N, C-alpha and C. Protein backbone atom coordinates (compact mmCIF):
# COMPACT_ATOMS: atom_id res chain seq x y z
N UNK A 1 51.55 -40.91 -31.37
CA UNK A 1 49.59 -41.54 -31.16
C UNK A 1 48.58 -40.91 -31.86
N UNK A 2 48.90 -39.99 -32.28
CA UNK A 2 48.14 -39.32 -33.63
C UNK A 2 47.74 -40.62 -34.74
N UNK A 3 49.41 -40.64 -35.05
CA UNK A 3 49.43 -40.95 -36.41
C UNK A 3 49.14 -42.56 -36.31
N UNK A 4 49.45 -42.84 -35.32
CA UNK A 4 49.42 -44.51 -35.34
C UNK A 4 47.69 -45.12 -35.00
N UNK A 5 47.19 -44.06 -33.98
CA UNK A 5 45.76 -44.22 -34.43
C UNK A 5 44.97 -44.16 -35.93
N UNK A 6 45.39 -43.00 -36.44
CA UNK A 6 45.48 -42.18 -38.23
C UNK A 6 45.75 -43.61 -39.04
N UNK A 7 46.52 -44.70 -38.85
CA UNK A 7 47.18 -45.35 -39.65
C UNK A 7 45.81 -47.13 -38.88
N UNK A 8 44.88 -46.85 -37.80
CA UNK A 8 44.34 -47.64 -38.13
C UNK A 8 42.91 -47.19 -38.27
N UNK A 9 42.46 -46.23 -38.21
CA UNK A 9 41.41 -45.72 -38.90
C UNK A 9 41.53 -46.25 -40.18
N UNK A 10 42.43 -45.60 -41.07
CA UNK A 10 43.43 -45.79 -42.64
C UNK A 10 42.42 -47.19 -42.70
N UNK A 11 43.23 -48.30 -42.19
CA UNK A 11 43.37 -49.76 -42.73
C UNK A 11 41.44 -50.23 -42.43
N UNK A 12 41.25 -49.34 -41.15
CA UNK A 12 39.27 -50.09 -41.25
C UNK A 12 38.97 -49.52 -41.94
N UNK A 13 39.35 -48.48 -42.53
CA UNK A 13 38.47 -47.81 -44.50
C UNK A 13 38.56 -48.79 -45.16
N UNK A 14 39.80 -49.05 -45.43
CA UNK A 14 40.77 -49.74 -46.69
C UNK A 14 40.17 -50.86 -46.74
N UNK A 15 40.07 -51.91 -45.54
CA UNK A 15 39.00 -53.21 -45.21
C UNK A 15 37.62 -53.35 -45.57
N UNK A 16 36.93 -51.92 -45.61
CA UNK A 16 35.75 -51.67 -45.38
C UNK A 16 35.68 -51.47 -47.53
N UNK A 17 35.75 -50.47 -47.99
CA UNK A 17 36.17 -50.45 -49.24
C UNK A 17 36.52 -50.97 -49.78
N UNK A 18 37.57 -51.93 -49.78
CA UNK A 18 38.32 -52.52 -49.94
C UNK A 18 37.36 -54.05 -50.44
N UNK A 19 36.17 -54.40 -49.25
CA UNK A 19 35.61 -55.61 -49.01
C UNK A 19 34.65 -54.95 -50.34
N UNK A 20 33.76 -54.13 -50.07
CA UNK A 20 33.29 -53.54 -50.95
C UNK A 20 32.83 -53.25 -52.16
N UNK A 21 34.23 -53.09 -53.06
CA UNK A 21 34.17 -53.05 -54.06
C UNK A 21 34.61 -54.37 -54.50
N UNK A 22 35.30 -55.06 -53.64
CA UNK A 22 35.84 -56.70 -54.07
C UNK A 22 34.19 -57.36 -54.65
N UNK A 23 33.42 -57.46 -53.77
CA UNK A 23 31.84 -57.78 -54.22
C UNK A 23 31.29 -57.13 -54.86
N UNK A 24 31.18 -55.77 -54.84
CA UNK A 24 29.78 -55.18 -55.71
C UNK A 24 30.77 -55.31 -57.53
N UNK A 25 31.96 -54.80 -57.60
CA UNK A 25 32.15 -54.84 -58.88
C UNK A 25 32.71 -56.07 -60.06
N UNK A 26 32.91 -55.75 -61.20
CA UNK A 26 33.65 -56.54 -61.71
C UNK A 26 34.39 -55.95 -62.37
N UNK A 27 34.99 -57.08 -63.18
CA UNK A 27 36.34 -57.31 -64.22
C UNK A 27 37.62 -56.81 -62.99
N UNK A 28 38.48 -56.25 -63.88
CA UNK A 28 40.03 -56.20 -62.34
C UNK A 28 39.05 -55.02 -61.39
N UNK A 29 38.28 -54.50 -61.44
CA UNK A 29 37.53 -53.98 -60.16
C UNK A 29 38.07 -55.20 -58.40
N UNK A 30 37.38 -56.13 -58.61
CA UNK A 30 37.41 -56.24 -57.78
C UNK A 30 38.99 -56.95 -56.98
N UNK A 31 39.70 -57.51 -58.22
CA UNK A 31 40.86 -57.82 -57.92
C UNK A 31 41.71 -56.94 -56.97
N UNK A 32 41.10 -55.65 -57.69
CA UNK A 32 41.94 -54.54 -56.38
C UNK A 32 41.68 -54.04 -55.86
N UNK A 33 39.86 -54.44 -55.17
CA UNK A 33 39.16 -53.94 -54.50
C UNK A 33 39.87 -55.01 -52.92
N UNK A 34 39.60 -56.29 -53.88
CA UNK A 34 40.19 -57.73 -52.81
C UNK A 34 42.24 -57.19 -52.19
N UNK A 35 42.46 -56.67 -52.57
CA UNK A 35 44.40 -55.82 -52.70
C UNK A 35 44.49 -54.90 -52.00
N UNK A 36 43.14 -54.25 -52.21
CA UNK A 36 43.12 -52.99 -50.73
C UNK A 36 42.43 -53.01 -49.54
N UNK A 37 41.80 -54.20 -49.41
CA UNK A 37 41.66 -54.43 -48.60
C UNK A 37 42.62 -55.42 -47.77
N UNK A 38 43.30 -56.10 -48.35
CA UNK A 38 44.52 -56.72 -47.65
C UNK A 38 45.88 -56.15 -47.46
N UNK A 39 45.67 -54.86 -48.04
CA UNK A 39 46.14 -54.01 -47.12
C UNK A 39 45.42 -53.37 -46.19
N UNK A 40 44.54 -52.78 -46.49
CA UNK A 40 44.09 -51.90 -44.88
C UNK A 40 44.09 -52.96 -43.63
N UNK A 41 44.00 -54.57 -43.92
CA UNK A 41 44.81 -55.05 -42.83
C UNK A 41 45.71 -55.51 -42.42
N UNK A 42 47.07 -55.49 -42.78
CA UNK A 42 47.97 -55.16 -43.38
C UNK A 42 48.86 -54.01 -42.20
N UNK A 43 47.77 -52.06 -42.74
CA UNK A 43 47.84 -51.50 -42.18
C UNK A 43 47.35 -51.71 -40.67
N UNK A 44 46.19 -52.24 -40.49
CA UNK A 44 45.95 -52.07 -38.87
C UNK A 44 46.33 -52.83 -37.93
N UNK A 45 47.24 -53.77 -38.41
CA UNK A 45 47.80 -55.06 -38.25
C UNK A 45 49.57 -53.77 -36.60
N UNK A 46 49.29 -53.80 -38.07
CA UNK A 46 51.23 -52.64 -37.81
C UNK A 46 50.45 -51.12 -37.21
N UNK A 47 50.09 -50.78 -37.48
CA UNK A 47 49.09 -49.74 -36.28
C UNK A 47 48.67 -50.20 -34.33
N UNK A 48 48.08 -51.49 -34.58
CA UNK A 48 48.30 -52.55 -33.06
C UNK A 48 48.61 -52.34 -33.19
N UNK A 49 50.16 -53.13 -33.64
CA UNK A 49 51.42 -53.20 -33.00
C UNK A 49 52.47 -52.04 -32.62
N UNK A 50 51.99 -51.22 -32.74
CA UNK A 50 52.75 -49.71 -32.79
C UNK A 50 52.51 -49.05 -31.63
N UNK A 51 50.85 -49.20 -31.52
CA UNK A 51 50.29 -48.84 -30.15
C UNK A 51 50.76 -49.61 -28.81
N UNK A 52 50.32 -51.48 -28.86
CA UNK A 52 50.15 -52.24 -28.09
C UNK A 52 51.75 -52.27 -27.81
N UNK A 53 52.88 -52.40 -28.59
CA UNK A 53 53.94 -53.03 -28.41
C UNK A 53 55.34 -51.76 -28.70
N UNK A 54 55.63 -50.89 -27.33
CA UNK A 54 56.09 -49.99 -28.00
C UNK A 54 57.86 -50.42 -28.26
N UNK A 55 57.97 -49.71 -29.70
CA UNK A 55 59.43 -50.12 -29.52
C UNK A 55 59.84 -51.23 -30.30
N UNK A 56 58.51 -51.56 -31.00
CA UNK A 56 58.47 -52.87 -31.49
C UNK A 56 59.15 -53.74 -32.76
N UNK A 57 59.34 -52.11 -33.67
CA UNK A 57 59.99 -51.87 -34.62
C UNK A 57 61.04 -51.06 -34.77
N UNK A 58 61.77 -50.96 -33.34
CA UNK A 58 63.09 -50.64 -32.80
C UNK A 58 63.82 -50.77 -33.02
N UNK A 59 63.65 -52.60 -32.89
CA UNK A 59 65.23 -53.41 -32.70
C UNK A 59 65.64 -53.65 -31.39
């Protein structure tokens, strides 16, 4: 349960830092920031699925 909550917290942090980087940086750093925001969103969704739907990835 702690690992799943850690995934959600890291995902939210990645969304925030990625959005900040995407809107304040120039050059390739803004694209990297946008990609990090997307990765953070996916990590947050996976963490929420792991908590709310037990056995979702178990098959």
